[in-house]
């Protein structure tokens, strides 16, 4: 069990690299979160708006990097209520809540919230996100 708890923390760390990298516009840090063959996409509930699927780390970094470059807000991803649905020695499946905070023109607010659906894979001694699907509850 101790290895399982250590692995869970390393998986959470990979998700945090995604969030911190995106928020700080540090695409190299964000890229560290993903496996080379990762996939990612997202949608906004009740709208036609979606992004992805992006296949491969380079496509994800490029796609999310393009979204970040055009953002007028300073985003802050708050990832909470992480629920592990399945875990082996080399794979994991989890869900988490996302609260997206935003600062713009000196005003901070909740921009939107939603869920993250995540698959992770262990590559050597590193855990990486192999699938990240985002479902936002409302546009922002």
N, C-alpha and C. Protein backbone atom coordinates (compact mmCIF):
# COMPACT_ATOMS: atom_id res chain seq x y z
N UNK A 1 0.79 -1.21 0.00
CA UNK A 1 0.00 0.00 0.00
C UNK A 1 0.84 1.28 0.00
N UNK A 2 1.97 1.37 0.71
CA UNK A 2 2.73 2.62 0.67
C UNK A 2 3.15 3.02 -0.74
N UNK A 3 3.53 2.06 -1.59
CA UNK A 3 3.89 2.41 -2.96
C UNK A 3 2.69 2.98 -3.69
N UNK A 4 1.51 2.44 -3.47
CA UNK A 4 0.30 2.93 -4.09
C UNK A 4 0.04 4.39 -3.71
N UNK A 5 0.23 4.72 -2.43
CA UNK A 5 0.03 6.10 -1.99
C UNK A 5 1.07 7.02 -2.59
N UNK A 6 2.30 6.56 -2.69
CA UNK A 6 3.35 7.34 -3.33
C UNK A 6 3.01 7.57 -4.80
N UNK A 7 2.57 6.51 -5.48
CA UNK A 7 2.19 6.65 -6.88
C UNK A 7 1.04 7.64 -7.04
N UNK A 8 0.06 7.58 -6.16
CA UNK A 8 -1.06 8.52 -6.24
C UNK A 8 -0.57 9.96 -6.12
N UNK A 9 0.35 10.21 -5.22
CA UNK A 9 0.87 11.58 -5.09
C UNK A 9 1.63 11.99 -6.34
N UNK A 10 2.36 11.08 -6.95
CA UNK A 10 3.09 11.39 -8.18
C UNK A 10 2.13 11.65 -9.35
N UNK A 11 1.00 10.96 -9.36
CA UNK A 11 -0.02 11.21 -10.38
C UNK A 11 -0.62 12.59 -10.17
N UNK A 12 -0.94 12.94 -8.94
CA UNK A 12 -1.46 14.28 -8.64
C UNK A 12 -0.44 15.34 -9.04
N UNK A 13 0.85 15.05 -8.82
CA UNK A 13 1.91 15.98 -9.23
C UNK A 13 1.91 16.19 -10.74
N UNK A 14 1.68 15.14 -11.51
CA UNK A 14 1.61 15.28 -12.97
C UNK A 14 0.45 16.19 -13.36
N UNK A 15 -0.71 16.00 -12.74
CA UNK A 15 -1.87 16.86 -13.02
C UNK A 15 -1.54 18.30 -12.64
N UNK A 16 -0.84 18.48 -11.54
CA UNK A 16 -0.45 19.83 -11.11
C UNK A 16 0.50 20.49 -12.10
N UNK A 17 1.37 19.71 -12.72
CA UNK A 17 2.27 20.27 -13.74
C UNK A 17 1.48 20.81 -14.93
N UNK A 18 0.43 20.09 -15.31
CA UNK A 18 -0.47 20.59 -16.35
C UNK A 18 -1.06 21.94 -15.93
N UNK A 19 -1.65 21.98 -14.74
CA UNK A 19 -2.34 23.19 -14.28
C UNK A 19 -1.37 24.37 -14.11
N UNK A 20 -0.28 24.14 -13.41
CA UNK A 20 0.70 25.21 -13.21
C UNK A 20 1.31 25.67 -14.54
N UNK A 21 1.65 24.71 -15.39
CA UNK A 21 2.25 25.07 -16.67
C UNK A 21 1.32 25.93 -17.50
N UNK A 22 0.05 25.53 -17.59
CA UNK A 22 -0.92 26.32 -18.36
C UNK A 22 -1.07 27.70 -17.74
N UNK A 23 -1.30 27.75 -16.44
CA UNK A 23 -1.56 29.03 -15.79
C UNK A 23 -0.39 29.99 -15.88
N UNK A 24 0.83 29.47 -15.78
CA UNK A 24 2.01 30.32 -15.82
C UNK A 24 2.54 30.51 -17.24
N UNK A 25 1.81 29.96 -18.21
CA UNK A 25 2.23 30.03 -19.61
C UNK A 25 3.64 29.43 -19.78
N UNK A 26 3.88 28.34 -19.07
CA UNK A 26 5.13 27.60 -19.13
C UNK A 26 4.84 26.27 -19.82
N UNK A 27 4.90 26.30 -21.13
CA UNK A 27 4.52 25.14 -21.90
C UNK A 27 5.48 23.97 -21.72
N UNK A 28 6.74 24.25 -21.38
CA UNK A 28 7.68 23.16 -21.10
C UNK A 28 7.25 22.41 -19.85
N UNK A 29 6.88 23.14 -18.81
CA UNK A 29 6.39 22.50 -17.58
C UNK A 29 5.10 21.73 -17.87
N UNK A 30 4.19 22.34 -18.61
CA UNK A 30 2.94 21.65 -18.93
C UNK A 30 3.22 20.38 -19.72
N UNK A 31 4.14 20.45 -20.66
CA UNK A 31 4.48 19.28 -21.47
C UNK A 31 5.01 18.13 -20.66
N UNK A 32 5.69 18.42 -19.53
CA UNK A 32 6.20 17.36 -18.66
C UNK A 32 5.07 16.50 -18.09
N UNK A 33 3.87 17.04 -18.05
CA UNK A 33 2.74 16.32 -17.47
C UNK A 33 2.26 15.18 -18.35
N UNK A 34 2.48 15.28 -19.67
CA UNK A 34 1.85 14.38 -20.63
C UNK A 34 2.81 13.32 -21.17
N UNK A 35 2.26 12.13 -21.43
CA UNK A 35 3.01 11.10 -22.14
C UNK A 35 3.10 11.48 -23.61
N UNK A 36 4.04 10.90 -24.31
CA UNK A 36 4.21 11.24 -25.73
C UNK A 36 2.96 10.95 -26.56
N UNK A 37 2.22 9.92 -26.21
CA UNK A 37 1.04 9.52 -26.98
C UNK A 37 -0.27 9.99 -26.35
N UNK A 38 -0.20 10.95 -25.45
CA UNK A 38 -1.38 11.41 -24.73
C UNK A 38 -2.44 11.99 -25.68
N UNK A 39 -3.67 12.00 -25.19
CA UNK A 39 -4.77 12.64 -25.90
C UNK A 39 -5.44 13.64 -24.96
N UNK A 40 -6.06 14.67 -25.56
CA UNK A 40 -6.76 15.65 -24.73
C UNK A 40 -7.81 16.35 -25.58
N UNK A 41 -8.85 16.78 -24.91
CA UNK A 41 -9.91 17.55 -25.54
C UNK A 41 -10.85 18.04 -24.47
N UNK A 42 -11.84 18.79 -24.92
CA UNK A 42 -12.79 19.30 -23.95
C UNK A 42 -14.03 19.84 -24.60
N UNK A 43 -15.00 20.15 -23.74
CA UNK A 43 -16.26 20.70 -24.22
C UNK A 43 -16.87 21.55 -23.13
N UNK A 44 -17.78 22.41 -23.56
CA UNK A 44 -18.54 23.23 -22.63
C UNK A 44 -19.98 22.75 -22.68
N UNK A 45 -20.48 22.28 -21.56
CA UNK A 45 -21.82 21.73 -21.46
C UNK A 45 -22.86 22.73 -21.96
N UNK A 46 -23.81 22.23 -22.76
CA UNK A 46 -24.90 23.06 -23.25
C UNK A 46 -24.55 23.96 -24.42
N UNK A 47 -23.34 23.79 -24.96
CA UNK A 47 -22.92 24.59 -26.12
C UNK A 47 -22.37 23.65 -27.19
N UNK A 48 -22.09 24.20 -28.33
CA UNK A 48 -21.44 23.45 -29.41
C UNK A 48 -19.92 23.54 -29.31
N UNK A 49 -19.42 24.36 -28.37
CA UNK A 49 -17.98 24.62 -28.29
C UNK A 49 -17.23 23.43 -27.73
N UNK A 50 -16.16 23.05 -28.42
CA UNK A 50 -15.28 21.98 -27.95
C UNK A 50 -13.89 22.22 -28.52
N UNK A 51 -12.93 21.52 -27.97
CA UNK A 51 -11.57 21.55 -28.51
C UNK A 51 -11.03 20.13 -28.50
N UNK A 52 -10.12 19.89 -29.45
CA UNK A 52 -9.58 18.55 -29.58
C UNK A 52 -10.43 17.71 -30.51
N UNK A 53 -10.15 16.43 -30.62
CA UNK A 53 -9.09 15.79 -29.85
C UNK A 53 -7.70 16.17 -30.35
N UNK A 54 -6.81 16.36 -29.40
CA UNK A 54 -5.40 16.58 -29.69
C UNK A 54 -4.70 15.27 -29.35
N UNK A 55 -3.90 14.78 -30.27
CA UNK A 55 -3.25 13.48 -30.09
C UNK A 55 -1.74 13.68 -30.09
N UNK A 56 -1.10 13.27 -29.02
CA UNK A 56 0.34 13.41 -28.86
C UNK A 56 0.69 14.64 -28.04
N UNK A 57 1.77 14.50 -27.26
CA UNK A 57 2.20 15.60 -26.38
C UNK A 57 2.42 16.89 -27.16
N UNK A 58 3.08 16.81 -28.31
CA UNK A 58 3.37 18.02 -29.08
C UNK A 58 2.09 18.72 -29.51
N UNK A 59 1.10 17.97 -29.94
CA UNK A 59 -0.17 18.56 -30.37
C UNK A 59 -0.90 19.19 -29.18
N UNK A 60 -0.83 18.54 -28.03
CA UNK A 60 -1.48 19.08 -26.83
C UNK A 60 -0.81 20.38 -26.41
N UNK A 61 0.50 20.38 -26.34
CA UNK A 61 1.23 21.59 -25.94
C UNK A 61 0.97 22.71 -26.93
N UNK A 62 0.98 22.39 -28.21
CA UNK A 62 0.71 23.40 -29.23
C UNK A 62 -0.72 23.93 -29.14
N UNK A 63 -1.68 23.01 -29.03
CA UNK A 63 -3.08 23.41 -28.97
C UNK A 63 -3.42 24.20 -27.73
N UNK A 64 -3.03 23.70 -26.57
CA UNK A 64 -3.30 24.43 -25.33
C UNK A 64 -2.47 25.70 -25.25
N UNK A 65 -1.26 25.64 -25.78
CA UNK A 65 -0.42 26.84 -25.82
C UNK A 65 -1.05 27.94 -26.65
N UNK A 66 -1.68 27.56 -27.77
CA UNK A 66 -2.39 28.55 -28.59
C UNK A 66 -3.58 29.14 -27.87
N UNK A 67 -4.30 28.30 -27.13
CA UNK A 67 -5.43 28.80 -26.34
C UNK A 67 -4.94 29.76 -25.26
N UNK A 68 -3.85 29.41 -24.60
CA UNK A 68 -3.31 30.24 -23.53
C UNK A 68 -2.79 31.56 -24.07
N UNK A 69 -2.18 31.53 -25.24
CA UNK A 69 -1.60 32.74 -25.82
C UNK A 69 -2.66 33.79 -26.15
N UNK A 70 -3.88 33.35 -26.43
CA UNK A 70 -4.94 34.31 -26.77
C UNK A 70 -5.81 34.69 -25.58
N UNK A 71 -5.54 34.11 -24.41
CA UNK A 71 -6.35 34.40 -23.23
C UNK A 71 -6.11 35.81 -22.73
N UNK A 72 -7.16 36.49 -22.35
CA UNK A 72 -7.04 37.83 -21.77
C UNK A 72 -7.08 37.78 -20.25
N UNK A 73 -7.33 36.61 -19.69
CA UNK A 73 -7.38 36.44 -18.23
C UNK A 73 -6.09 35.80 -17.73
N UNK A 74 -5.83 35.95 -16.46
CA UNK A 74 -4.80 35.16 -15.79
C UNK A 74 -5.53 33.99 -15.14
N UNK A 75 -5.43 32.79 -15.73
CA UNK A 75 -6.17 31.65 -15.17
C UNK A 75 -5.46 31.05 -13.97
N UNK A 76 -6.26 30.44 -13.11
CA UNK A 76 -5.76 29.65 -11.99
C UNK A 76 -6.63 28.41 -11.88
N UNK A 77 -6.08 27.28 -12.30
CA UNK A 77 -6.79 26.00 -12.21
C UNK A 77 -6.73 25.49 -10.77
N UNK A 78 -7.87 25.30 -10.15
CA UNK A 78 -7.96 24.71 -8.81
C UNK A 78 -8.55 23.32 -8.97
N UNK A 79 -7.71 22.32 -8.83
CA UNK A 79 -8.10 20.92 -9.04
C UNK A 79 -8.32 20.29 -7.66
N UNK A 80 -9.55 19.81 -7.43
CA UNK A 80 -9.90 19.29 -6.11
C UNK A 80 -10.72 18.01 -6.23
N UNK A 81 -11.02 17.42 -5.08
CA UNK A 81 -11.87 16.23 -4.98
C UNK A 81 -11.41 15.15 -5.96
N UNK A 82 -10.13 14.87 -5.92
CA UNK A 82 -9.54 13.87 -6.82
C UNK A 82 -10.00 12.48 -6.38
N UNK A 83 -10.63 11.78 -7.30
CA UNK A 83 -11.19 10.46 -7.02
C UNK A 83 -10.51 9.43 -7.92
N UNK A 84 -9.78 8.50 -7.32
CA UNK A 84 -9.15 7.43 -8.10
C UNK A 84 -10.20 6.35 -8.35
N UNK A 85 -10.44 6.07 -9.60
CA UNK A 85 -11.44 5.07 -10.00
C UNK A 85 -10.81 3.69 -10.18
N UNK A 86 -9.55 3.67 -10.61
CA UNK A 86 -8.82 2.42 -10.83
C UNK A 86 -7.33 2.72 -10.78
N UNK A 87 -6.56 1.74 -10.33
CA UNK A 87 -5.12 1.93 -10.29
C UNK A 87 -4.43 0.57 -10.30
N UNK A 88 -3.40 0.46 -11.15
CA UNK A 88 -2.51 -0.68 -11.14
C UNK A 88 -1.10 -0.14 -10.88
N UNK A 89 -0.11 -0.99 -11.01
CA UNK A 89 1.27 -0.52 -10.82
C UNK A 89 1.71 0.47 -11.90
N UNK A 90 1.04 0.44 -13.07
CA UNK A 90 1.50 1.28 -14.19
C UNK A 90 0.41 2.14 -14.83
N UNK A 91 -0.83 2.01 -14.38
CA UNK A 91 -1.90 2.83 -14.95
C UNK A 91 -2.83 3.30 -13.83
N UNK A 92 -3.54 4.39 -14.13
CA UNK A 92 -4.53 4.89 -13.19
C UNK A 92 -5.60 5.64 -13.97
N UNK A 93 -6.79 5.64 -13.40
CA UNK A 93 -7.91 6.40 -13.96
C UNK A 93 -8.50 7.19 -12.81
N UNK A 94 -8.71 8.48 -13.04
CA UNK A 94 -9.21 9.34 -11.98
C UNK A 94 -10.09 10.45 -12.53
N UNK A 95 -10.84 11.05 -11.64
CA UNK A 95 -11.66 12.20 -11.95
C UNK A 95 -11.38 13.26 -10.90
N UNK A 96 -11.61 14.52 -11.28
CA UNK A 96 -11.42 15.61 -10.33
C UNK A 96 -12.34 16.76 -10.71
N UNK A 97 -12.63 17.58 -9.72
CA UNK A 97 -13.34 18.81 -9.99
C UNK A 97 -12.33 19.88 -10.41
N UNK A 98 -12.78 20.76 -11.28
CA UNK A 98 -11.99 21.92 -11.69
C UNK A 98 -12.78 23.17 -11.38
N UNK A 99 -12.18 24.07 -10.63
CA UNK A 99 -12.70 25.42 -10.49
C UNK A 99 -11.67 26.31 -11.17
N UNK A 100 -12.09 27.02 -12.20
CA UNK A 100 -11.18 27.89 -12.93
C UNK A 100 -11.38 29.32 -12.45
N UNK A 101 -10.40 29.80 -11.73
CA UNK A 101 -10.40 31.19 -11.28
C UNK A 101 -9.78 32.04 -12.38
N UNK A 102 -10.14 33.32 -12.41
CA UNK A 102 -9.59 34.22 -13.42
C UNK A 102 -9.39 35.60 -12.82
N UNK A 103 -8.25 36.19 -13.12
CA UNK A 103 -7.99 37.58 -12.76
C UNK A 103 -7.87 38.38 -14.04
N UNK A 104 -8.53 39.52 -14.07
CA UNK A 104 -8.48 40.38 -15.25
C UNK A 104 -8.75 41.81 -14.80
N UNK A 105 -7.87 42.69 -15.21
CA UNK A 105 -8.01 44.11 -14.85
C UNK A 105 -8.15 44.31 -13.35
N UNK A 106 -7.38 43.56 -12.58
CA UNK A 106 -7.37 43.73 -11.13
C UNK A 106 -8.55 43.12 -10.39
N UNK A 107 -9.37 42.33 -11.09
CA UNK A 107 -10.53 41.72 -10.47
C UNK A 107 -10.40 40.20 -10.59
N UNK A 108 -10.55 39.51 -9.45
CA UNK A 108 -10.52 38.05 -9.45
C UNK A 108 -11.94 37.52 -9.32
N UNK A 109 -12.20 36.41 -10.03
CA UNK A 109 -13.54 35.83 -10.02
C UNK A 109 -13.46 34.35 -10.35
N UNK A 110 -14.55 33.64 -10.11
CA UNK A 110 -14.67 32.28 -10.61
C UNK A 110 -15.10 32.40 -12.07
N UNK A 111 -14.31 31.86 -12.98
CA UNK A 111 -14.64 31.93 -14.41
C UNK A 111 -15.61 30.82 -14.79
N UNK A 112 -15.35 29.61 -14.35
CA UNK A 112 -16.20 28.46 -14.62
C UNK A 112 -15.77 27.31 -13.72
N UNK A 113 -16.48 26.23 -13.81
CA UNK A 113 -16.09 25.01 -13.09
C UNK A 113 -16.44 23.83 -13.98
N UNK A 114 -16.01 22.67 -13.57
CA UNK A 114 -16.28 21.48 -14.37
C UNK A 114 -15.55 20.28 -13.81
N UNK A 115 -15.31 19.32 -14.68
CA UNK A 115 -14.64 18.09 -14.27
C UNK A 115 -13.48 17.77 -15.21
N UNK A 116 -12.53 17.04 -14.66
CA UNK A 116 -11.42 16.49 -15.42
C UNK A 116 -11.53 14.98 -15.37
N UNK A 117 -11.43 14.34 -16.51
CA UNK A 117 -11.35 12.88 -16.61
C UNK A 117 -9.94 12.57 -17.08
N UNK A 118 -9.23 11.78 -16.29
CA UNK A 118 -7.79 11.61 -16.49
C UNK A 118 -7.41 10.14 -16.47
N UNK A 119 -6.58 9.75 -17.43
CA UNK A 119 -5.87 8.48 -17.38
C UNK A 119 -4.40 8.83 -17.20
N UNK A 120 -3.70 8.04 -16.42
CA UNK A 120 -2.27 8.25 -16.21
C UNK A 120 -1.54 6.94 -16.46
N UNK A 121 -0.29 7.09 -16.85
CA UNK A 121 0.54 5.92 -17.14
C UNK A 121 1.92 6.15 -16.53
N UNK A 122 2.51 5.08 -16.03
CA UNK A 122 3.84 5.17 -15.47
C UNK A 122 4.84 4.82 -16.56
N UNK A 123 5.74 5.75 -16.83
CA UNK A 123 6.79 5.57 -17.83
C UNK A 123 8.12 5.60 -17.10
N UNK A 124 8.72 4.44 -16.92
CA UNK A 124 9.94 4.36 -16.10
C UNK A 124 9.56 4.67 -14.66
N UNK A 125 10.16 5.71 -14.10
CA UNK A 125 9.82 6.10 -12.73
C UNK A 125 8.94 7.35 -12.68
N UNK A 126 8.42 7.79 -13.83
CA UNK A 126 7.59 9.00 -13.91
C UNK A 126 6.15 8.66 -14.26
N UNK A 127 5.22 9.28 -13.57
CA UNK A 127 3.82 9.20 -13.94
C UNK A 127 3.50 10.36 -14.85
N UNK A 128 2.73 10.08 -15.91
CA UNK A 128 2.33 11.12 -16.85
C UNK A 128 0.86 10.95 -17.19
N UNK A 129 0.25 12.03 -17.58
CA UNK A 129 -1.14 12.00 -18.02
C UNK A 129 -1.16 11.42 -19.44
N UNK A 130 -1.97 10.39 -19.64
CA UNK A 130 -2.11 9.81 -20.98
C UNK A 130 -3.43 10.20 -21.64
N UNK A 131 -4.37 10.70 -20.85
CA UNK A 131 -5.63 11.23 -21.39
C UNK A 131 -6.14 12.28 -20.41
N UNK A 132 -6.47 13.45 -20.96
CA UNK A 132 -7.09 14.51 -20.17
C UNK A 132 -8.28 15.04 -20.95
N UNK A 133 -9.47 14.79 -20.43
CA UNK A 133 -10.69 15.31 -21.04
C UNK A 133 -11.34 16.25 -20.04
N UNK A 134 -11.65 17.44 -20.52
CA UNK A 134 -12.20 18.51 -19.70
C UNK A 134 -13.65 18.74 -20.08
N UNK A 135 -14.53 18.81 -19.10
CA UNK A 135 -15.92 19.17 -19.32
C UNK A 135 -16.22 20.37 -18.44
N UNK A 136 -16.45 21.52 -19.08
CA UNK A 136 -16.77 22.73 -18.34
C UNK A 136 -18.29 22.86 -18.20
N UNK A 137 -18.74 23.33 -17.05
CA UNK A 137 -20.16 23.46 -16.79
C UNK A 137 -20.79 24.66 -17.47
N UNK A 138 -19.99 25.68 -17.77
CA UNK A 138 -20.52 26.91 -18.36
C UNK A 138 -19.40 27.63 -19.10
N UNK A 139 -19.76 28.43 -20.11
CA UNK A 139 -18.75 29.22 -20.80
C UNK A 139 -18.18 30.30 -19.88
N UNK A 140 -17.04 30.84 -20.25
CA UNK A 140 -16.48 31.95 -19.48
C UNK A 140 -15.94 33.02 -20.41
